[in-house]
């Protein structure tokens, strides 16, 4: 059996995407070696605890600066052997110095079809704009705000959507499918940079399968 990709998951809230990773790739293509949270007492940490995954909260208020918080979190994640980081509803910015410590990749799931509607309140932005098609993006994290190279995207038509709750209910299943799928691709080395465009990734299909 191929060696499992050691990943860490960063969370801030209920942890439904963490649960999708626990159910979909943990102990299979990947091993979740640690879960770090931006806040204590969130439901995501309960999910990690139930799964027997080491976890720790790194509240910004406990550190004199974001850089010190990020350095402490990076130290802890490295101690647990994390190679790739997955932001699963992590609601804090990360310093460039933090990202540089994980050159194998930091990925994020975002509730819009990037580059449209980056940053906080993506669903609200889309509703305000009046779009009829919403979607989910999984992308690499860089020093910008949702500006890293895209790995996977999926769209859904919601012409009648009027509230964030309606849109979120439709997007959640897409997030829960695409995030584990992206981890599987990384685990088998199927994601690579396009030499003709550093902002684009090339995704190799699974052996015997058509590219999606």
Protein backbone atom coordinates (compact mmCIF):
# COMPACT_ATOMS: atom_id res chain seq x y z
CA UNK A 1 0.00 0.00 0.00
CA UNK A 2 1.29 3.48 -0.89
CA UNK A 3 2.36 5.71 1.97
CA UNK A 4 -0.46 7.93 3.18
CA UNK A 5 -0.10 11.67 2.72
CA UNK A 6 0.21 13.30 6.18
CA UNK A 7 -2.13 16.29 6.29
CA UNK A 8 -3.26 18.74 8.93
CA UNK A 9 -6.63 20.46 8.87
CA UNK A 10 -7.22 24.03 10.04
CA UNK A 11 -10.71 24.88 11.27
CA UNK A 12 -12.73 27.64 12.91
CA UNK A 13 -16.27 26.37 13.34
CA UNK A 14 -18.56 23.37 13.03
CA UNK A 15 -16.13 21.25 11.03
CA UNK A 16 -18.41 19.69 8.42
CA UNK A 17 -15.58 19.76 5.87
CA UNK A 18 -13.26 18.22 8.46
CA UNK A 19 -15.81 15.44 8.87
CA UNK A 20 -15.89 14.92 5.10
CA UNK A 21 -12.11 14.49 5.18
CA UNK A 22 -12.28 12.13 8.16
CA UNK A 23 -14.91 10.04 6.39
CA UNK A 24 -13.43 10.25 2.89
CA UNK A 25 -9.62 10.14 3.03
CA UNK A 26 -8.41 9.66 6.62
CA UNK A 27 -6.71 6.31 6.95
CA UNK A 28 -6.93 5.80 3.19
CA UNK A 29 -5.04 8.07 0.80
CA UNK A 30 -4.16 10.49 3.59
CA UNK A 31 -3.63 10.53 7.33
CA UNK A 32 -4.95 13.52 9.29
CA UNK A 33 -2.12 13.94 11.79
CA UNK A 34 -3.37 17.12 13.48
CA UNK A 35 -6.25 19.60 13.64
CA UNK A 36 -5.59 23.24 14.55
CA UNK A 37 -8.34 25.73 15.32
CA UNK A 38 -8.47 29.52 15.47
CA UNK A 39 -10.83 29.25 18.45
CA UNK A 40 -11.36 26.96 21.41
CA UNK A 41 -14.62 25.15 22.08
CA UNK A 42 -15.78 24.80 18.48
CA UNK A 43 -17.57 21.69 17.26
CA UNK A 44 -14.79 20.85 14.82
CA UNK A 45 -12.49 20.04 17.73
CA UNK A 46 -15.08 17.62 19.08
CA UNK A 47 -14.99 15.85 15.72
CA UNK A 48 -11.20 15.59 15.89
CA UNK A 49 -11.41 14.27 19.46
CA UNK A 50 -13.93 11.59 18.53
CA UNK A 51 -11.66 10.50 15.66
CA UNK A 52 -8.62 10.34 17.93
CA UNK A 53 -6.77 13.05 16.01
CA UNK A 54 -4.50 15.39 18.02
CA UNK A 55 -5.93 18.91 18.17
CA UNK A 56 -5.10 22.30 19.60
CA UNK A 57 -6.61 25.80 19.55
CA UNK A 58 -4.47 28.79 18.59
CA UNK A 59 -6.58 31.83 19.46
CA UNK A 60 -5.20 35.09 18.08
CA UNK A 61 -5.84 36.81 21.44
CA UNK A 62 -3.36 34.47 23.13
CA UNK A 63 -0.43 35.86 21.12
CA UNK A 64 1.11 39.31 20.80
CA UNK A 65 0.94 39.22 17.01
CA UNK A 66 -0.41 37.17 14.15
CA UNK A 67 3.14 36.23 13.21
CA UNK A 68 3.81 34.77 16.66
CA UNK A 69 0.53 32.85 16.54
CA UNK A 70 1.34 31.50 13.10
CA UNK A 71 4.87 30.52 14.14
CA UNK A 72 3.58 28.60 17.18
CA UNK A 73 0.97 26.85 15.07
CA UNK A 74 3.49 25.96 12.35
CA UNK A 75 5.86 24.54 14.97
CA UNK A 76 3.09 22.35 16.38
CA UNK A 77 1.94 21.14 12.97
CA UNK A 78 5.51 20.29 11.94
CA UNK A 79 6.01 18.36 15.19
CA UNK A 80 3.06 16.18 14.16
CA UNK A 81 4.54 15.55 10.74
CA UNK A 82 2.07 17.50 8.60
CA UNK A 83 3.16 17.85 5.00
CA UNK A 84 0.08 19.37 3.34
CA UNK A 85 -2.35 21.70 5.12
CA UNK A 86 -6.07 21.87 4.37
CA UNK A 87 -8.05 24.95 5.36
CA UNK A 88 -11.56 23.67 6.04
CA UNK A 89 -13.55 26.71 7.07
CA UNK A 90 -10.51 28.40 8.63
CA UNK A 91 -11.48 32.04 9.08
CA UNK A 92 -8.10 33.66 9.73
CA UNK A 93 -5.42 35.05 7.43
CA UNK A 94 -2.07 33.27 7.46
CA UNK A 95 1.26 35.06 7.22
CA UNK A 96 3.48 34.43 4.21
CA UNK A 97 6.16 33.14 6.55
CA UNK A 98 3.71 30.45 7.71
CA UNK A 99 2.87 29.35 4.16
CA UNK A 100 6.57 29.10 3.28
CA UNK A 101 7.04 26.43 5.93
CA UNK A 102 4.73 24.04 4.04
CA UNK A 103 6.10 24.03 0.49
CA UNK A 104 4.19 20.84 -0.43
CA UNK A 105 1.03 22.91 -0.38
CA UNK A 106 -1.68 24.65 1.62
CA UNK A 107 -5.15 24.31 0.08
CA UNK A 108 -8.48 25.96 0.80
CA UNK A 109 -12.12 25.45 -0.10
CA UNK A 110 -14.05 28.62 -0.98
CA UNK A 111 -17.81 29.02 -1.62
CA UNK A 112 -17.63 30.76 -4.99
CA UNK A 113 -16.34 30.24 -8.49
CA UNK A 114 -13.06 32.09 -8.09
CA UNK A 115 -11.82 34.57 -9.13
CA UNK A 116 -15.35 35.87 -8.61
CA UNK A 117 -16.31 36.86 -5.05
CA UNK A 118 -13.11 36.28 -3.06
CA UNK A 119 -12.77 36.95 0.65
CA UNK A 120 -15.36 36.94 3.40
CA UNK A 121 -19.08 36.88 2.62
CA UNK A 122 -18.64 35.27 -0.79
CA UNK A 123 -22.20 33.95 -0.92
CA UNK A 124 -23.62 37.30 0.15
CA UNK A 125 -21.51 39.02 -2.50
CA UNK A 126 -22.85 36.68 -5.16
CA UNK A 127 -26.46 37.18 -4.08
CA UNK A 128 -26.03 40.95 -4.08
CA UNK A 129 -24.65 40.74 -7.60
CA UNK A 130 -27.67 38.72 -8.71
CA UNK A 131 -25.84 35.72 -10.13
CA UNK A 132 -27.80 32.62 -11.19
CA UNK A 133 -24.87 30.17 -11.01
CA UNK A 134 -22.96 29.58 -7.78
CA UNK A 135 -20.13 27.21 -7.03
CA UNK A 136 -17.21 25.94 -5.00
CA UNK A 137 -13.47 26.24 -5.62
CA UNK A 138 -10.56 24.33 -4.11
CA UNK A 139 -7.32 26.22 -4.59
CA UNK A 140 -3.79 26.59 -3.36
CA UNK A 141 -3.26 29.33 -0.79
CA UNK A 142 -0.80 32.11 -1.50
CA UNK A 143 -0.11 35.47 0.11
CA UNK A 144 -3.21 37.04 -1.46
CA UNK A 145 -6.87 36.62 -0.57
CA UNK A 146 -8.21 33.60 -2.48
CA UNK A 147 -5.78 34.28 -5.32
CA UNK A 148 -3.90 30.95 -5.43
CA UNK A 149 -3.97 28.55 -8.37
CA UNK A 150 -7.20 26.60 -8.74
CA UNK A 151 -7.30 22.81 -8.36
CA UNK A 152 -11.00 21.94 -8.69
CA UNK A 153 -14.25 23.80 -9.25
CA UNK A 154 -17.90 22.80 -9.44
CA UNK A 155 -20.91 24.94 -10.35
CA UNK A 156 -24.60 24.68 -9.57
CA UNK A 157 -27.49 26.67 -11.05
CA UNK A 158 -29.67 28.28 -8.38
CA UNK A 159 -31.83 30.81 -10.25
CA UNK A 160 -34.33 31.03 -7.42
CA UNK A 161 -31.92 31.42 -4.51
CA UNK A 162 -32.61 34.46 -2.34
CA UNK A 163 -30.85 33.78 0.97
CA UNK A 164 -27.31 32.72 2.00
CA UNK A 165 -28.82 29.73 3.78
CA UNK A 166 -30.37 28.44 0.54
CA UNK A 167 -27.09 28.77 -1.32
CA UNK A 168 -25.00 27.28 1.46
CA UNK A 169 -27.30 24.24 1.64
CA UNK A 170 -26.67 23.61 -2.06
CA UNK A 171 -22.92 24.22 -1.87
CA UNK A 172 -22.15 22.10 1.19
CA UNK A 173 -22.40 18.77 -0.66
CA UNK A 174 -20.07 20.13 -3.35
CA UNK A 175 -17.53 21.19 -0.71
CA UNK A 176 -17.74 17.79 0.96
CA UNK A 177 -17.04 16.10 -2.38
CA UNK A 178 -14.37 18.37 -3.84
CA UNK A 179 -12.14 18.82 -0.78
CA UNK A 180 -11.48 15.08 -0.27
CA UNK A 181 -11.11 14.72 -4.04
CA UNK A 182 -8.40 17.39 -4.05
CA UNK A 183 -6.57 15.64 -1.21
CA UNK A 184 -6.68 12.35 -3.15
CA UNK A 185 -5.17 14.08 -6.18
CA UNK A 186 -2.37 15.57 -4.09
CA UNK A 187 -1.74 12.21 -2.41
CA UNK A 188 -1.02 10.56 -5.75
CA UNK A 189 0.96 13.51 -7.11
CA UNK A 190 -1.61 14.28 -9.79
CA UNK A 191 -1.61 18.08 -9.40
CA UNK A 192 1.17 20.06 -11.04
CA UNK A 193 1.81 23.60 -12.17
CA UNK A 194 1.24 24.49 -15.80
CA UNK A 195 4.66 25.52 -17.16
CA UNK A 196 2.94 27.94 -19.51
CA UNK A 197 0.88 29.62 -16.79
CA UNK A 198 2.00 29.54 -13.12
CA UNK A 199 -1.50 30.53 -12.01
CA UNK A 200 -2.99 27.38 -13.50
CA UNK A 201 -2.72 23.77 -12.35
CA UNK A 202 -2.84 20.64 -14.46
CA UNK A 203 -4.68 17.68 -12.97
CA UNK A 204 -3.69 14.27 -14.23
CA UNK A 205 -6.59 11.80 -14.54
CA UNK A 206 -6.57 8.61 -12.54
CA UNK A 207 -5.17 5.64 -14.45
CA UNK A 208 -7.88 4.33 -16.75
CA UNK A 209 -10.18 7.30 -16.08
CA UNK A 210 -11.13 10.35 -18.08
CA UNK A 211 -10.17 13.79 -16.76
CA UNK A 212 -13.06 15.64 -15.22
